[in-house]
Amino acid sequence: MKRFAITFSIILYAVAVPFLEINGTHVFNPDWTPHVRIHEVWQLMTNTGIGVLCLWLVWFKKETRISTLLSMLVTGGFLLAYMLQDSYGGSMKYLDGSEKTLLGINIGVLGFGMAFTLLVLAQVLGRTKKTST
């Protein structure tokens, strides 16, 4: 369960997000300043690098604690940024007012919310299993 939760979250932040953002709406958006673009590419590269490290830790080193923590920082960081968006003028809506949603929920909130919840559950269930044996 724990390795699945970590791997699922990594696929979202290290593979799906770059796939969704290396295009004209984000990295190559002509309305974004060059300074914003460098922060976007930096964030994508950093998160992908963290994901590769976490996969190596989980599947080759059999180390899940650090991978869980790092993945929770990435997914939780997005959720916190989303919750605080009004305080800094952020938005998940495109300039045309559209937003990527699934079942009426922003896809980032849905995906990272599920990933964060799975990571927490896997961590809690893993601890419960250890203490009961």
Protein backbone atom coordinates (compact mmCIF):
# COMPACT_ATOMS: atom_id res chain seq x y z
CA MET A 1 0.00 0.00 0.00
CA LYS A 2 2.73 2.47 0.98
CA ARG A 3 4.83 1.90 -2.14
CA PHE A 4 1.71 2.21 -4.32
CA ALA A 5 0.70 5.52 -2.65
CA ILE A 6 4.20 6.95 -3.08
CA THR A 7 4.47 5.79 -6.69
CA PHE A 8 1.02 7.16 -7.54
CA SER A 9 1.90 10.58 -6.11
CA ILE A 10 5.24 10.60 -7.93
CA ILE A 11 3.57 9.81 -11.26
CA LEU A 12 1.31 12.82 -10.71
CA TYR A 13 3.94 15.39 -9.73
CA ALA A 14 6.95 14.12 -11.72
CA VAL A 15 5.28 12.92 -14.93
CA ALA A 16 1.69 14.17 -15.31
CA VAL A 17 2.31 17.77 -14.23
CA PRO A 18 5.25 18.33 -16.62
CA PHE A 19 3.21 16.69 -19.40
CA LEU A 20 0.34 19.11 -18.69
CA GLU A 21 2.53 22.20 -18.29
CA ILE A 22 5.19 22.04 -21.00
CA ASN A 23 2.99 23.74 -23.56
CA GLY A 24 1.49 27.10 -24.54
CA THR A 25 -0.63 27.43 -21.38
CA HIS A 26 2.37 27.36 -19.05
CA VAL A 27 6.06 27.13 -20.05
CA PHE A 28 5.56 28.61 -23.53
CA ASN A 29 2.71 30.96 -22.62
CA PRO A 30 3.39 34.26 -24.44
CA ASP A 31 1.57 36.17 -21.68
CA TRP A 32 3.98 34.94 -18.99
CA THR A 33 7.08 36.97 -18.27
CA PRO A 34 10.46 35.27 -18.71
CA HIS A 35 10.95 35.44 -14.93
CA VAL A 36 7.75 33.48 -14.30
CA ARG A 37 8.74 30.92 -16.93
CA ILE A 38 12.10 30.22 -15.31
CA HIS A 39 10.35 29.61 -11.98
CA GLU A 40 7.92 27.24 -13.70
CA VAL A 41 10.66 25.22 -15.41
CA TRP A 42 12.70 25.20 -12.18
CA GLN A 43 9.69 23.85 -10.24
CA LEU A 44 9.03 21.18 -12.87
CA MET A 45 12.67 20.05 -12.92
CA THR A 46 12.96 20.08 -9.13
CA ASN A 47 9.76 18.08 -8.62
CA THR A 48 10.77 15.56 -11.30
CA GLY A 49 14.19 15.19 -9.68
CA ILE A 50 12.57 14.65 -6.28
CA GLY A 51 10.29 12.06 -7.89
CA VAL A 52 13.22 10.15 -9.41
CA LEU A 53 14.99 10.16 -6.03
CA CYS A 54 11.83 8.94 -4.29
CA LEU A 55 11.32 6.13 -6.79
CA TRP A 56 14.92 5.01 -6.29
CA LEU A 57 14.51 5.12 -2.51
CA VAL A 58 11.23 3.17 -2.58
CA TRP A 59 11.99 0.51 -5.16
CA PHE A 60 15.74 -0.02 -4.78
CA LYS A 61 16.54 1.01 -1.21
CA LYS A 62 13.17 -0.11 0.23
CA GLU A 63 13.05 3.22 2.11
CA THR A 64 9.55 4.67 2.33
CA ARG A 65 9.69 7.23 5.15
CA ILE A 66 11.79 9.83 3.36
CA SER A 67 9.96 9.21 0.07
CA THR A 68 6.62 9.68 1.79
CA LEU A 69 7.77 12.90 3.44
CA LEU A 70 9.20 14.35 0.21
CA SER A 71 6.09 13.41 -1.75
CA MET A 72 3.87 14.95 0.94
CA LEU A 73 5.91 18.16 0.74
CA VAL A 74 5.41 18.37 -3.03
CA THR A 75 1.70 17.49 -3.06
CA GLY A 76 0.93 19.34 0.17
CA GLY A 77 2.84 22.38 -1.10
CA PHE A 78 0.49 22.57 -4.07
CA LEU A 79 -2.59 22.20 -1.84
CA LEU A 80 -1.33 24.94 0.47
CA ALA A 81 -0.60 27.24 -2.49
CA TYR A 82 -4.12 26.56 -3.76
CA MET A 83 -5.67 27.37 -0.37
CA LEU A 84 -3.66 30.61 -0.12
CA GLN A 85 -4.17 31.72 -3.74
CA ASP A 86 -6.39 34.68 -2.84
CA SER A 87 -3.71 36.11 -0.56
CA TYR A 88 -1.17 36.42 -3.40
CA GLY A 89 -3.42 36.77 -6.46
CA GLY A 90 -3.00 33.22 -7.72
CA SER A 91 -5.52 31.22 -9.67
CA MET A 92 -5.89 27.87 -11.36
CA LYS A 93 -7.99 29.49 -14.10
CA TYR A 94 -6.56 30.29 -17.48
CA LEU A 95 -6.70 33.82 -18.87
CA ASP A 96 -9.86 32.92 -20.79
CA GLY A 97 -11.55 31.96 -17.48
CA SER A 98 -11.52 28.22 -18.12
CA GLU A 99 -10.22 25.68 -15.67
CA LYS A 100 -9.31 21.99 -15.97
CA THR A 101 -11.78 20.11 -13.80
CA LEU A 102 -13.03 16.59 -13.27
CA LEU A 103 -16.41 16.11 -11.62
CA GLY A 104 -16.46 19.86 -11.03
CA ILE A 105 -13.22 19.76 -9.00
CA ASN A 106 -9.95 21.31 -10.17
CA ILE A 107 -7.75 18.46 -11.43
CA GLY A 108 -4.76 19.59 -9.38
CA VAL A 109 -6.78 19.67 -6.17
CA LEU A 110 -8.39 16.33 -7.01
CA GLY A 111 -5.16 14.56 -7.96
CA PHE A 112 -2.88 16.00 -5.30
CA GLY A 113 -5.65 15.78 -2.69
CA MET A 114 -6.02 12.07 -3.43
CA ALA A 115 -2.24 11.57 -3.46
CA PHE A 116 -1.72 13.43 -0.17
CA THR A 117 -4.56 11.51 1.47
CA LEU A 118 -3.16 8.17 0.24
CA LEU A 119 0.28 9.09 1.56
CA VAL A 120 -1.13 9.99 4.98
CA LEU A 121 -3.23 6.80 5.10
CA ALA A 122 -0.31 4.62 4.04
CA GLN A 123 1.88 6.20 6.69
CA VAL A 124 -0.75 5.84 9.44
CA LEU A 125 -1.67 2.29 8.44
CA GLY A 126 2.02 1.36 8.26
CA ARG A 127 2.56 2.62 11.79
CA THR A 128 -0.57 0.90 13.08
CA LYS A 129 0.58 -2.37 11.51
CA LYS A 130 4.02 -2.07 13.17
CA THR A 131 2.63 -1.34 16.63
CA SER A 132 0.10 -4.20 16.50
CA THR A 133 2.71 -6.86 15.66
